């Protein structure tokens, strides 16, 4: 009787498992990125009524495949340490042979990821 009661009680409880985001597959992050500079920049936009709305953006100077880029993360709350990271392209839109939009996703050592948009390209 006690086993049956325990069984019914367990079945009536809501699922305890918390839905977790699938862990990224490290094999998908094949692009080597070297971060040579990392900074937080305050970006303020004027709105009607004479007030401003400000946000903090993270800007990185990186080298990817021998080419230098400026990347931006508008959701960052801390500096990314300089050094080497693995990344993959999550957005790559080329409308003409002279313009493009590209976003990289970095994989960090703890399995978390960060998204960085290309904001500049240098030679």
Protein backbone atom coordinates (compact mmCIF):
# COMPACT_ATOMS: atom_id res chain seq x y z
CA UNK A 1 0.00 0.00 0.00
CA UNK A 2 2.80 2.42 0.92
CA UNK A 3 4.66 1.73 -2.35
CA UNK A 4 1.50 2.38 -4.35
CA UNK A 5 0.91 5.69 -2.54
CA UNK A 6 4.50 6.77 -3.15
CA UNK A 7 4.20 5.85 -6.84
CA UNK A 8 0.99 7.90 -7.24
CA UNK A 9 2.58 10.82 -5.42
CA UNK A 10 5.62 10.79 -7.70
CA UNK A 11 3.45 10.67 -10.82
CA UNK A 12 1.36 13.61 -9.64
CA UNK A 13 4.36 15.91 -9.12
CA UNK A 14 5.27 18.34 -11.91
CA UNK A 15 8.47 17.53 -13.77
CA UNK A 16 11.46 18.76 -11.83
CA UNK A 17 13.91 18.71 -14.71
CA UNK A 18 14.84 22.16 -15.90
CA UNK A 19 15.00 22.60 -19.64
CA UNK A 20 18.58 23.45 -20.54
CA UNK A 21 19.87 24.83 -23.77
CA UNK A 22 21.77 22.19 -25.71
CA UNK A 23 25.49 22.47 -25.15
CA UNK A 24 27.30 23.78 -28.23
CA UNK A 25 29.35 21.29 -30.21
CA UNK A 26 32.99 22.42 -29.98
CA UNK A 27 33.68 20.81 -33.39
CA UNK A 28 31.44 23.46 -35.01
CA UNK A 29 33.73 26.29 -33.85
CA UNK A 30 36.53 26.00 -36.39
CA UNK A 31 37.50 29.65 -36.87
CA UNK A 32 40.53 30.85 -34.90
CA UNK A 33 40.09 34.37 -33.51
CA UNK A 34 42.81 36.36 -31.77
CA UNK A 35 41.44 39.21 -29.61
CA UNK A 36 44.12 41.91 -29.34
CA UNK A 37 41.97 44.63 -27.73
CA UNK A 38 38.77 44.65 -25.68
CA UNK A 39 36.90 47.71 -24.43
CA UNK A 40 33.52 48.80 -23.12
CA UNK A 41 32.08 51.88 -24.81
CA UNK A 42 29.11 53.96 -23.72
CA UNK A 43 26.72 54.57 -26.61
CA UNK A 44 24.12 57.31 -26.06
CA UNK A 45 21.23 58.11 -28.37
CA UNK A 46 19.17 61.30 -28.17
CA UNK A 47 15.44 60.79 -27.85
CA UNK A 48 12.64 63.31 -28.10
CA UNK A 49 12.23 65.59 -25.11
CA UNK A 50 15.93 66.35 -24.78
CA UNK A 51 16.88 63.19 -22.92
CA UNK A 52 19.32 60.43 -23.88
CA UNK A 53 19.24 56.66 -23.71
CA UNK A 54 22.64 55.11 -23.06
CA UNK A 55 23.93 51.56 -23.29
CA UNK A 56 27.28 49.84 -22.88
CA UNK A 57 28.76 48.01 -25.85
CA UNK A 58 31.79 45.75 -25.95
CA UNK A 59 34.20 46.40 -28.81
CA UNK A 60 36.93 44.00 -29.85
CA UNK A 61 39.86 44.35 -32.22
CA UNK A 62 40.51 40.87 -33.60
CA UNK A 63 42.46 39.00 -36.24
CA UNK A 64 40.68 36.29 -38.20
CA UNK A 65 42.47 34.52 -41.02
CA UNK A 66 45.19 37.19 -41.10
CA UNK A 67 42.65 40.02 -41.51
CA UNK A 68 41.82 42.61 -38.82
CA UNK A 69 38.25 43.36 -37.79
CA UNK A 70 36.36 45.39 -35.22
CA UNK A 71 33.59 43.35 -33.58
CA UNK A 72 30.79 44.52 -31.30
CA UNK A 73 28.58 42.89 -28.69
CA UNK A 74 25.73 45.12 -27.53
CA UNK A 75 24.72 42.74 -24.70
CA UNK A 76 28.07 42.50 -22.93
CA UNK A 77 28.37 43.48 -19.28
CA UNK A 78 32.10 42.87 -18.82
CA UNK A 79 35.37 42.93 -20.73
CA UNK A 80 36.43 39.90 -22.70
CA UNK A 81 40.03 38.97 -21.95
CA UNK A 82 42.47 39.27 -24.82
CA UNK A 83 43.74 36.02 -26.27
CA UNK A 84 42.70 33.21 -28.59
CA UNK A 85 39.15 31.92 -29.06
CA UNK A 86 37.26 29.57 -31.35
CA UNK A 87 34.28 30.85 -33.30
CA UNK A 88 31.78 30.07 -36.02
CA UNK A 89 29.84 32.28 -38.42
CA UNK A 90 26.16 32.53 -37.47
CA UNK A 91 25.16 35.20 -40.00
CA UNK A 92 26.76 35.96 -43.34
CA UNK A 93 24.85 38.13 -45.78
CA UNK A 94 26.59 39.23 -48.95
CA UNK A 95 24.35 41.34 -51.16
CA UNK A 96 27.09 42.57 -53.48
CA UNK A 97 30.73 41.67 -54.04
CA UNK A 98 31.81 44.79 -52.09
CA UNK A 99 29.46 44.75 -49.04
CA UNK A 100 28.59 42.19 -46.37
CA UNK A 101 27.08 41.67 -42.92
CA UNK A 102 28.64 39.00 -40.71
CA UNK A 103 28.19 37.82 -37.13
CA UNK A 104 30.43 35.41 -35.25
CA UNK A 105 29.61 33.28 -32.24
CA UNK A 106 32.52 32.65 -29.87
CA UNK A 107 32.72 29.49 -27.77
CA UNK A 108 34.17 30.02 -24.30
CA UNK A 109 35.95 27.47 -22.13
CA UNK A 110 32.89 27.00 -19.87
CA UNK A 111 30.64 26.09 -22.82
CA UNK A 112 28.91 29.47 -22.96
CA UNK A 113 28.82 31.53 -26.14
CA UNK A 114 28.89 35.19 -27.12
CA UNK A 115 27.74 36.86 -30.33
CA UNK A 116 29.83 39.54 -32.04
CA UNK A 117 28.89 41.52 -35.16
CA UNK A 118 31.51 42.76 -37.58
CA UNK A 119 31.51 46.56 -37.36
CA UNK A 120 34.76 47.32 -39.14
CA UNK A 121 37.42 45.80 -41.38
CA UNK A 122 41.04 46.95 -41.60
CA UNK A 123 44.04 46.02 -43.75
